[in-house]
Protein backbone atom coordinates (compact mmCIF):
# COMPACT_ATOMS: atom_id res chain seq x y z
CA MET A 1 -40.18 -59.77 -39.92
CA ASP A 2 -43.18 -58.84 -41.68
CA ILE A 3 -45.42 -60.86 -38.78
CA LEU A 4 -43.44 -58.98 -36.47
CA ILE A 5 -44.26 -55.41 -38.02
CA GLU A 6 -47.90 -56.42 -37.85
CA THR A 7 -47.75 -57.39 -34.77
CA HIS A 8 -46.19 -54.03 -33.77
CA LYS A 9 -49.30 -51.84 -35.50
CA ILE A 10 -51.98 -54.08 -33.89
CA LEU A 11 -50.38 -53.58 -30.54
CA LEU A 12 -50.49 -49.55 -30.86
CA ASN A 13 -54.12 -49.76 -32.15
CA ASP A 14 -55.23 -52.03 -29.10
CA LYS A 15 -53.32 -51.05 -26.17
CA GLN A 16 -53.93 -47.78 -25.57
CA SER A 17 -52.72 -46.23 -22.67
CA ALA A 18 -55.30 -44.82 -20.06
CA ILE A 19 -52.79 -42.52 -18.32
CA SER A 20 -49.36 -41.19 -19.00
CA ARG A 21 -46.50 -42.01 -16.48
CA GLN A 22 -44.20 -39.71 -15.46
CA LEU A 23 -41.04 -41.39 -16.34
CA LEU A 24 -42.06 -40.85 -19.89
CA SER A 25 -41.66 -37.41 -19.31
CA ASP A 26 -37.95 -38.15 -17.57
CA ILE A 27 -36.67 -40.54 -19.35
CA ASP A 28 -33.86 -38.75 -21.72
CA LEU A 29 -33.81 -40.60 -25.28
CA SER A 30 -29.90 -39.29 -26.16
CA HIS A 31 -29.19 -42.57 -24.75
CA ARG A 32 -28.40 -45.16 -27.36
CA PHE A 33 -29.37 -47.81 -25.12
CA ILE A 34 -32.40 -47.63 -22.50
CA ALA A 35 -33.22 -50.51 -20.10
CA ILE A 36 -36.13 -50.11 -18.33
CA LYS A 37 -36.54 -52.19 -15.21
CA GLY A 38 -39.81 -52.84 -13.54
CA ASN A 39 -41.70 -56.22 -11.71
CA ARG A 40 -44.52 -57.56 -12.83
CA GLY A 41 -47.68 -55.77 -13.23
CA VAL A 42 -46.43 -51.85 -13.35
CA GLY A 43 -47.16 -51.84 -17.13
CA LYS A 44 -43.90 -52.09 -18.94
CA THR A 45 -45.61 -53.04 -22.45
CA ALA A 46 -47.71 -50.21 -21.81
CA PHE A 47 -44.94 -48.19 -21.13
CA LEU A 48 -42.50 -48.99 -24.15
CA LEU A 49 -45.87 -48.31 -26.65
CA ASP A 50 -46.26 -45.09 -25.04
CA ILE A 51 -42.49 -43.95 -26.02
CA ILE A 52 -43.36 -45.14 -29.57
CA ARG A 53 -46.91 -43.07 -29.57
CA THR A 54 -45.04 -39.90 -27.79
CA TYR A 55 -42.10 -39.72 -29.91
CA TYR A 56 -41.83 -41.91 -32.73
CA SER A 57 -45.61 -41.63 -34.16
CA ASN A 58 -45.89 -42.69 -37.55
CA ASP A 59 -42.06 -43.18 -37.87
CA ASP A 60 -41.83 -46.52 -39.90
CA SER A 61 -38.08 -47.00 -38.80
CA VAL A 62 -39.25 -47.76 -35.22
CA LEU A 63 -40.58 -51.34 -34.03
CA TYR A 64 -41.55 -52.92 -31.14
CA VAL A 65 -40.84 -56.41 -30.59
CA ASN A 66 -41.87 -58.68 -27.51
CA MET A 67 -38.60 -61.31 -27.07
CA ASN A 68 -40.57 -64.01 -26.01
CA ASN A 69 -41.72 -64.46 -29.59
CA LEU A 70 -41.17 -67.70 -30.98
CA PHE A 71 -39.80 -66.26 -33.93
CA PHE A 72 -36.67 -65.59 -32.04
CA THR A 73 -36.18 -69.59 -31.22
CA THR A 74 -34.64 -69.87 -35.01
CA THR A 75 -33.29 -66.24 -35.82
CA GLY A 76 -31.18 -64.94 -33.19
CA LEU A 77 -31.60 -61.22 -32.14
CA LEU A 78 -28.12 -60.46 -33.95
CA SER A 79 -29.47 -61.67 -37.22
CA PHE A 80 -32.44 -60.07 -36.65
CA VAL A 81 -30.80 -56.52 -35.92
CA ASP A 82 -28.65 -56.94 -38.75
CA THR A 83 -31.79 -56.98 -41.21
CA PHE A 84 -34.07 -54.70 -39.85
CA TYR A 85 -30.68 -52.21 -39.57
CA LYS A 86 -30.18 -52.73 -43.59
CA LYS A 87 -34.05 -52.18 -44.04
CA GLY A 88 -33.51 -48.35 -42.43
CA GLY A 89 -34.40 -49.27 -39.22
CA LYS A 90 -33.26 -47.01 -36.45
CA VAL A 91 -34.93 -47.63 -33.04
CA LEU A 92 -36.14 -51.04 -31.58
CA LEU A 93 -38.02 -51.49 -28.17
CA LEU A 94 -37.50 -54.91 -26.89
CA ASP A 95 -39.83 -56.06 -24.17
CA GLN A 96 -38.67 -58.74 -22.01
CA MET A 97 -35.36 -58.39 -23.01
CA HIS A 98 -34.10 -60.97 -19.98
CA LYS A 99 -36.11 -63.91 -21.45
CA TYR A 100 -33.67 -64.03 -24.14
CA PRO A 101 -30.30 -65.91 -23.85
CA SER A 102 -27.41 -64.50 -23.65
CA TRP A 103 -28.74 -61.18 -23.97
CA ASP A 104 -25.96 -58.87 -22.61
CA LEU A 105 -23.57 -60.52 -24.92
CA GLU A 106 -25.68 -59.74 -27.97
CA LEU A 107 -26.21 -56.52 -26.97
CA LYS A 108 -22.99 -55.62 -26.57
CA LYS A 109 -22.17 -56.83 -29.73
CA ILE A 110 -25.06 -54.75 -31.40
CA TYR A 111 -24.08 -51.63 -29.80
CA ASN A 112 -20.41 -51.90 -31.56
CA SER A 113 -21.65 -53.04 -34.46
CA TYR A 114 -24.38 -50.57 -34.87
CA PRO A 115 -23.57 -47.34 -34.00
CA GLU A 116 -26.51 -45.67 -35.55
CA LEU A 117 -29.04 -47.95 -33.69
CA LYS A 118 -30.94 -46.87 -30.65
CA ILE A 119 -32.58 -49.56 -28.69
CA ILE A 120 -34.78 -49.33 -25.78
CA PHE A 121 -35.37 -52.72 -23.50
CA THR A 122 -37.32 -53.97 -20.59
CA ALA A 123 -35.99 -56.16 -17.79
CA SER A 124 -36.87 -57.80 -14.92
CA SER A 125 -36.27 -55.72 -11.57
CA ILE A 126 -34.59 -58.64 -10.58
CA ILE A 127 -31.82 -58.14 -13.01
CA ASN A 128 -28.72 -56.51 -12.01
CA ILE A 129 -27.62 -54.56 -14.97
CA GLN A 130 -25.24 -52.13 -12.95
CA SER A 131 -23.44 -55.75 -11.98
CA ASN A 132 -23.24 -56.83 -15.36
CA PRO A 133 -19.84 -55.99 -17.34
CA ASN A 134 -20.92 -56.68 -20.58
CA VAL A 135 -23.94 -53.72 -20.88
CA TYR A 136 -23.65 -51.73 -17.76
CA PRO A 137 -21.40 -49.05 -19.46
CA ILE A 138 -23.44 -49.16 -22.45
CA VAL A 139 -27.04 -48.91 -20.78
CA LYS A 140 -28.85 -45.93 -19.27
CA VAL A 141 -31.02 -47.62 -16.61
CA TYR A 142 -34.63 -46.26 -15.42
CA ASN A 143 -36.83 -48.08 -12.94
CA LEU A 144 -40.92 -47.97 -13.65
CA ASN A 145 -42.52 -48.17 -10.45
CA GLY A 146 -46.35 -49.08 -10.18
CA LEU A 147 -48.62 -45.93 -10.19
CA SER A 148 -48.18 -43.23 -7.57
CA PHE A 149 -51.18 -41.99 -5.53
CA ARG A 150 -51.06 -39.00 -7.84
CA GLU A 151 -50.94 -41.07 -11.12
CA PHE A 152 -54.19 -43.08 -9.71
CA LEU A 153 -55.69 -39.87 -8.62
CA CYS A 154 -55.10 -38.65 -12.66
CA LEU A 155 -56.40 -42.17 -13.65
CA GLN A 156 -59.45 -42.28 -11.55
CA THR A 157 -60.63 -38.44 -12.02
CA GLY A 158 -59.32 -37.43 -15.03
CA LYS A 159 -57.81 -34.56 -14.08
CA THR A 160 -54.11 -33.55 -14.20
CA PHE A 161 -51.90 -32.97 -10.92
CA LYS A 162 -48.30 -32.22 -10.88
CA THR A 163 -45.51 -33.89 -8.74
CA TYR A 164 -43.51 -32.25 -6.33
CA LYS A 165 -40.05 -32.39 -4.86
CA LEU A 166 -39.71 -33.53 -1.40
CA ASP A 167 -38.27 -30.43 -0.33
CA ASP A 168 -40.91 -28.30 -1.49
CA ILE A 169 -43.79 -30.55 0.17
CA ILE A 170 -41.71 -30.24 3.74
CA LYS A 171 -41.30 -26.35 3.02
CA TYR A 172 -44.65 -25.32 1.35
CA HIS A 173 -47.04 -28.93 1.94
CA ASP A 174 -49.76 -26.13 3.56
CA ARG A 175 -49.71 -24.43 0.23
CA ILE A 176 -49.57 -27.39 -2.06
CA VAL A 177 -52.42 -28.99 -0.83
CA ASP A 178 -54.45 -26.08 -1.05
CA GLU A 179 -53.87 -26.30 -4.50
CA ILE A 180 -54.98 -29.70 -4.63
CA LEU A 181 -57.90 -29.42 -2.65
CA HIS A 182 -59.17 -26.74 -5.85
CA GLN A 183 -59.90 -29.97 -7.58
CA VAL A 184 -60.70 -33.28 -5.89
CA ARG A 185 -60.53 -34.70 -2.09
CA PRO A 186 -57.49 -36.79 -2.22
CA LEU A 187 -58.98 -38.80 0.92
CA ALA A 188 -62.19 -40.26 -1.16
CA TYR A 189 -59.42 -42.28 -3.11
CA PHE A 190 -56.96 -42.99 -0.54
CA ASN A 191 -58.63 -46.42 0.31
CA ASP A 192 -59.06 -47.65 -2.81
CA TYR A 193 -55.52 -47.04 -3.60
CA MET A 194 -54.29 -48.64 -0.85
CA LYS A 195 -56.19 -51.90 -1.59
CA TYR A 196 -55.47 -51.60 -5.39
CA GLY A 197 -54.18 -49.05 -6.77
CA TYR A 198 -50.54 -49.46 -7.25
CA PHE A 199 -50.53 -52.12 -10.24
CA PRO A 200 -52.31 -50.62 -13.29
CA ILE A 201 -53.95 -54.49 -13.56
CA PHE A 202 -56.92 -53.38 -11.62
CA MET A 203 -58.00 -51.94 -14.49
CA GLU A 204 -58.51 -55.49 -16.61
CA GLN A 205 -61.88 -56.93 -16.09
CA ARG A 206 -60.85 -59.52 -13.95
CA SER A 207 -60.63 -59.41 -10.29
CA HIS A 208 -57.39 -57.09 -9.26
CA ILE A 209 -56.89 -59.51 -6.35
CA ASP A 210 -56.55 -62.59 -8.52
CA ASN A 211 -54.40 -61.13 -11.10
CA LEU A 212 -51.94 -59.67 -8.05
CA LEU A 213 -51.94 -62.84 -6.33
CA LYS A 214 -51.18 -64.41 -10.13
CA ASN A 215 -48.32 -62.31 -10.31
CA ILE A 216 -46.92 -62.55 -7.08
CA ASN A 217 -46.85 -66.32 -7.87
CA LEU A 218 -44.91 -65.97 -11.10
CA THR A 219 -42.56 -64.04 -9.27
CA LEU A 220 -41.88 -66.26 -7.04
CA GLU A 221 -42.33 -69.48 -9.33
CA PHE A 222 -40.41 -68.46 -12.07
CA ASP A 223 -38.70 -65.25 -12.08
CA ILE A 224 -36.38 -65.38 -8.95
CA PRO A 225 -35.99 -69.59 -9.36
CA TYR A 226 -35.33 -69.02 -12.97
CA LEU A 227 -32.96 -65.92 -12.55
CA ASN A 228 -30.99 -66.71 -9.25
CA GLN A 229 -30.76 -70.61 -9.98
CA ILE A 230 -32.57 -71.66 -6.73
CA ASP A 231 -33.47 -75.34 -7.12
CA LEU A 232 -37.60 -75.62 -7.10
CA LYS A 233 -37.18 -77.67 -4.20
CA TYR A 234 -36.79 -74.59 -2.12
CA LEU A 235 -39.67 -72.57 -3.30
CA PRO A 236 -42.69 -73.36 -0.81
CA LYS A 237 -39.47 -71.95 1.92
CA LEU A 238 -39.43 -69.18 -0.33
CA LYS A 239 -43.21 -68.78 -0.15
CA GLN A 240 -43.40 -68.98 3.41
CA LEU A 241 -41.15 -66.64 3.81
CA LEU A 242 -43.43 -63.52 2.20
CA TYR A 243 -46.05 -64.89 3.97
CA LEU A 244 -44.56 -64.72 7.37
CA VAL A 245 -43.54 -60.97 6.48
CA ALA A 246 -46.99 -59.99 4.95
CA SER A 247 -48.70 -61.43 8.25
CA ARG A 248 -46.53 -59.19 10.43
CA GLY A 249 -46.96 -56.24 8.25
CA SER A 250 -43.21 -55.13 9.08
CA SER A 251 -40.82 -56.05 11.59
CA GLN A 252 -37.27 -56.03 12.57
CA ALA A 253 -35.25 -58.21 10.74
CA ASN A 254 -34.98 -61.23 13.03
CA ILE A 255 -33.05 -63.44 10.80
CA SER A 256 -32.15 -66.58 13.55
CA ARG A 257 -35.98 -66.59 14.48
CA LEU A 258 -36.82 -66.43 10.67
CA SER A 259 -34.56 -68.94 10.22
CA GLY A 260 -35.83 -71.43 12.96
CA GLU A 261 -39.77 -70.85 11.74
CA ILE A 262 -38.76 -71.55 7.98
CA GLY A 263 -36.27 -73.98 8.57
CA VAL A 264 -33.42 -72.98 6.55
CA SER A 265 -29.52 -71.53 7.45
CA ARG A 266 -29.25 -67.62 8.38
CA ALA A 267 -27.43 -67.24 5.14
CA THR A 268 -30.00 -68.62 3.11
CA ILE A 269 -32.84 -66.46 4.93
CA MET A 270 -30.36 -63.39 4.19
CA ASN A 271 -30.40 -64.53 0.65
CA TYR A 272 -34.22 -65.12 0.22
CA LEU A 273 -34.58 -61.53 1.63
CA TYR A 274 -32.51 -60.06 -0.92
CA TYR A 275 -33.91 -61.74 -3.79
CA LEU A 276 -37.96 -60.49 -2.67
CA ARG A 277 -36.45 -57.51 -2.61
CA GLU A 278 -35.05 -57.13 -6.24
CA ALA A 279 -38.32 -58.79 -7.06
CA LYS A 280 -40.23 -55.63 -5.38
CA LEU A 281 -42.14 -57.71 -3.19
CA LEU A 282 -40.01 -56.59 0.08
CA ASN A 283 -38.57 -53.20 1.07
CA LEU A 284 -35.76 -53.91 3.13
CA LEU A 285 -34.44 -50.65 5.33
CA VAL A 286 -31.11 -50.28 6.68
CA GLU A 287 -28.98 -47.71 8.42
CA GLU A 288 -27.66 -44.79 6.72
CA GLY A 289 -24.65 -45.36 5.27
CA GLU A 290 -24.96 -48.50 4.76
CA HIS A 291 -26.10 -50.38 1.48
CA VAL A 292 -28.83 -53.27 0.96
CA GLU A 293 -26.55 -56.55 -0.09
CA ALA A 294 -27.54 -60.08 0.33
CA SER A 295 -24.74 -60.47 2.87
CA LYS A 296 -25.95 -57.73 5.15
CA LYS A 297 -28.59 -57.97 8.03
CA PRO A 298 -31.29 -55.43 7.43
CA SER A 299 -32.76 -53.17 10.24
CA MET A 300 -36.55 -53.31 9.40
CA ILE A 301 -38.58 -55.36 6.93
CA TYR A 302 -41.90 -54.34 5.05
CA LEU A 303 -43.62 -55.40 1.83
CA HIS A 304 -43.50 -53.32 -0.88
CA ASN A 305 -46.22 -51.78 -1.24
CA THR A 306 -49.66 -51.59 0.53
CA ASN A 307 -51.41 -53.64 -2.96
CA LEU A 308 -49.49 -56.78 -1.62
CA LEU A 309 -50.43 -56.73 1.95
CA HIS A 310 -54.19 -56.78 1.15
CA ALA A 311 -53.37 -59.78 -1.06
CA VAL A 312 -51.28 -61.79 0.66
CA ASN A 313 -52.23 -61.08 4.42
CA ASN A 314 -55.71 -62.84 4.83
CA ASN A 315 -55.94 -61.72 8.30
CA GLY A 316 -55.87 -58.16 7.98
CA THR A 317 -53.57 -55.29 8.28
CA SER A 318 -53.19 -52.56 11.02
CA ASP A 319 -54.24 -48.90 9.59
CA GLU A 320 -50.52 -48.21 11.01
CA ILE A 321 -48.54 -50.60 9.02
CA LEU A 322 -50.26 -49.89 6.16
CA ALA A 323 -49.63 -45.84 6.60
CA LYS A 324 -45.79 -46.49 7.66
CA THR A 325 -45.78 -49.18 4.27
CA PHE A 326 -47.15 -46.52 1.86
CA PHE A 327 -45.11 -43.76 3.20
CA LEU A 328 -41.99 -45.74 2.30
CA ASN A 329 -43.03 -47.06 -0.96
CA GLN A 330 -43.69 -43.60 -2.64
CA VAL A 331 -41.04 -41.93 -0.58
CA SER A 332 -38.31 -44.58 -1.28
CA ALA A 333 -38.98 -44.25 -5.23
CA VAL A 334 -37.17 -41.14 -5.50
CA THR A 335 -34.92 -40.75 -1.94
CA ASN A 336 -32.99 -42.50 0.02
CA THR A 337 -34.57 -43.78 2.60
CA ASN A 338 -33.12 -45.74 5.87
CA TYR A 339 -33.72 -46.99 9.31
CA VAL A 340 -32.96 -44.83 12.61
CA SER A 341 -34.11 -46.32 16.22
CA LYS A 342 -35.32 -42.92 17.64
CA PHE A 343 -38.01 -42.66 14.50
CA ASP A 344 -39.63 -44.51 12.02
CA PHE A 345 -37.68 -43.24 8.54
CA LEU A 346 -34.54 -41.20 7.64
CA VAL A 347 -35.18 -39.80 4.62
CA ASP A 348 -32.25 -38.52 2.67
CA GLY A 349 -30.09 -38.56 5.48
CA LYS A 350 -31.63 -34.97 6.79
CA TYR A 351 -35.60 -35.75 7.46
CA ASN A 352 -36.75 -37.68 10.35
CA PHE A 353 -39.80 -39.08 10.06
CA PHE A 354 -42.79 -40.53 12.11
CA VAL A 355 -45.81 -41.77 10.41
CA ASP A 356 -48.78 -41.63 12.44
CA ILE A 357 -52.62 -42.72 12.15
CA LYS A 358 -53.38 -40.06 14.60
CA ASN A 359 -51.88 -37.11 15.37
CA LYS A 360 -49.67 -37.47 18.02
CA LYS A 361 -48.21 -34.65 20.18
CA ARG A 362 -44.05 -35.41 21.04
CA LYS A 363 -41.63 -33.44 22.81
CA ASN A 364 -39.10 -32.08 20.62
CA ASN A 365 -39.67 -30.55 17.12
CA ASN A 366 -36.59 -32.53 15.40
CA TYR A 367 -38.76 -34.43 13.54
CA TYR A 368 -42.18 -34.33 10.84
CA THR A 369 -45.04 -36.49 10.78
CA ALA A 370 -46.78 -37.78 8.04
CA THR A 371 -50.56 -38.23 9.27
CA ASP A 372 -52.99 -40.41 8.09
CA MET A 373 -56.97 -39.35 7.56
CA ILE A 374 -56.02 -35.33 7.75
CA GLU A 375 -56.76 -33.63 4.58
CA LYS A 376 -54.14 -30.58 5.72
CA GLY A 377 -51.65 -30.45 7.90
CA LYS A 378 -49.68 -27.56 9.91
CA GLY A 379 -45.92 -27.19 10.59
CA ASN A 380 -43.93 -29.96 11.00
CA THR A 381 -47.22 -32.18 10.23
CA ILE A 382 -47.96 -33.32 6.85
CA PRO A 383 -50.72 -35.45 5.45
CA LEU A 384 -49.65 -38.82 4.62
CA TRP A 385 -51.48 -38.95 1.07
CA LEU A 386 -49.37 -35.78 0.13
CA PHE A 387 -46.31 -38.20 -0.11
CA GLY A 388 -47.80 -39.91 -2.93
CA PHE A 389 -47.29 -36.54 -5.34
CA LEU A 390 -43.44 -37.31 -5.43
CA TYR A 391 -43.99 -39.00 -8.77
């Protein structure tokens, strides 16, 4: 126990965050058990430590623990919690909970046995807590996304920018843009964000591309096979699928074509697409009223974010694909975004969107346009970068 407490203190002192994430303000700590889900590289560990600094500063009844610690190979979680609780512990922040065997069963026992104990834990985005009967009824789930363009601007400029709701951006985008332009020229930072700004790992000394590729490979080689029980001999097929999607940027979901190119069945392709989506390597678009499931064919396939496009696709990606990938990534973090045949995206079931790299003129007004490389829009034309202020 003493070594865990010492590690907790060292991390709080050494691993200082450069930016306060939006989720830190949105999280409701009145829930006893809270899960923070996210993919590799989005900053889940730093986020747990920020919760301690923000809400439990200098509180000795609070402890951060990484479940990868070898301590738990001989001391089970239940035994550790019992000791922690008896010594006056009140709040546990458990990192990488999904790495601990039978984590869901033990969390359920802890919930029932220690009614005054609060646990906040992180888990891979691949873990489907909502379908787990042991923990879903007792856990409030939050998703930690990568940095929004707004958060990236805060980090790069040292200034503070607030978030805006989608409805307000659509109705008042000209007024909102004026407020932002008083502080910064967003387009001066936009290309950098598209290349490396989504993942906080770019702040580390090593090459951000090398770091990103390392995390992609760890996700493909360890997380997905381990959590979905995939035979490792099929790993090259999974990598090939991701590369094919990246090389095309986005495409209609031609499952038969992908099946033939990779040499696996249609059912396997569907499963792989679902795994990559859960790992936040892909975004799958379905039509309104449908849900993304392994058994249902998506309408469109995109890489999850523009940083992945730059890292995986060595041949370069068109500006149009980058713009659409950015829009989908930022908007789908806070809305329901669907495929619609006559437009690029249907957002929250009521807003039809085109995403343009040029300000094209179209015949009707039953849509909005998110346009790249314009600083300010007019009417139904909204600057693309502004959709990075949703969270």
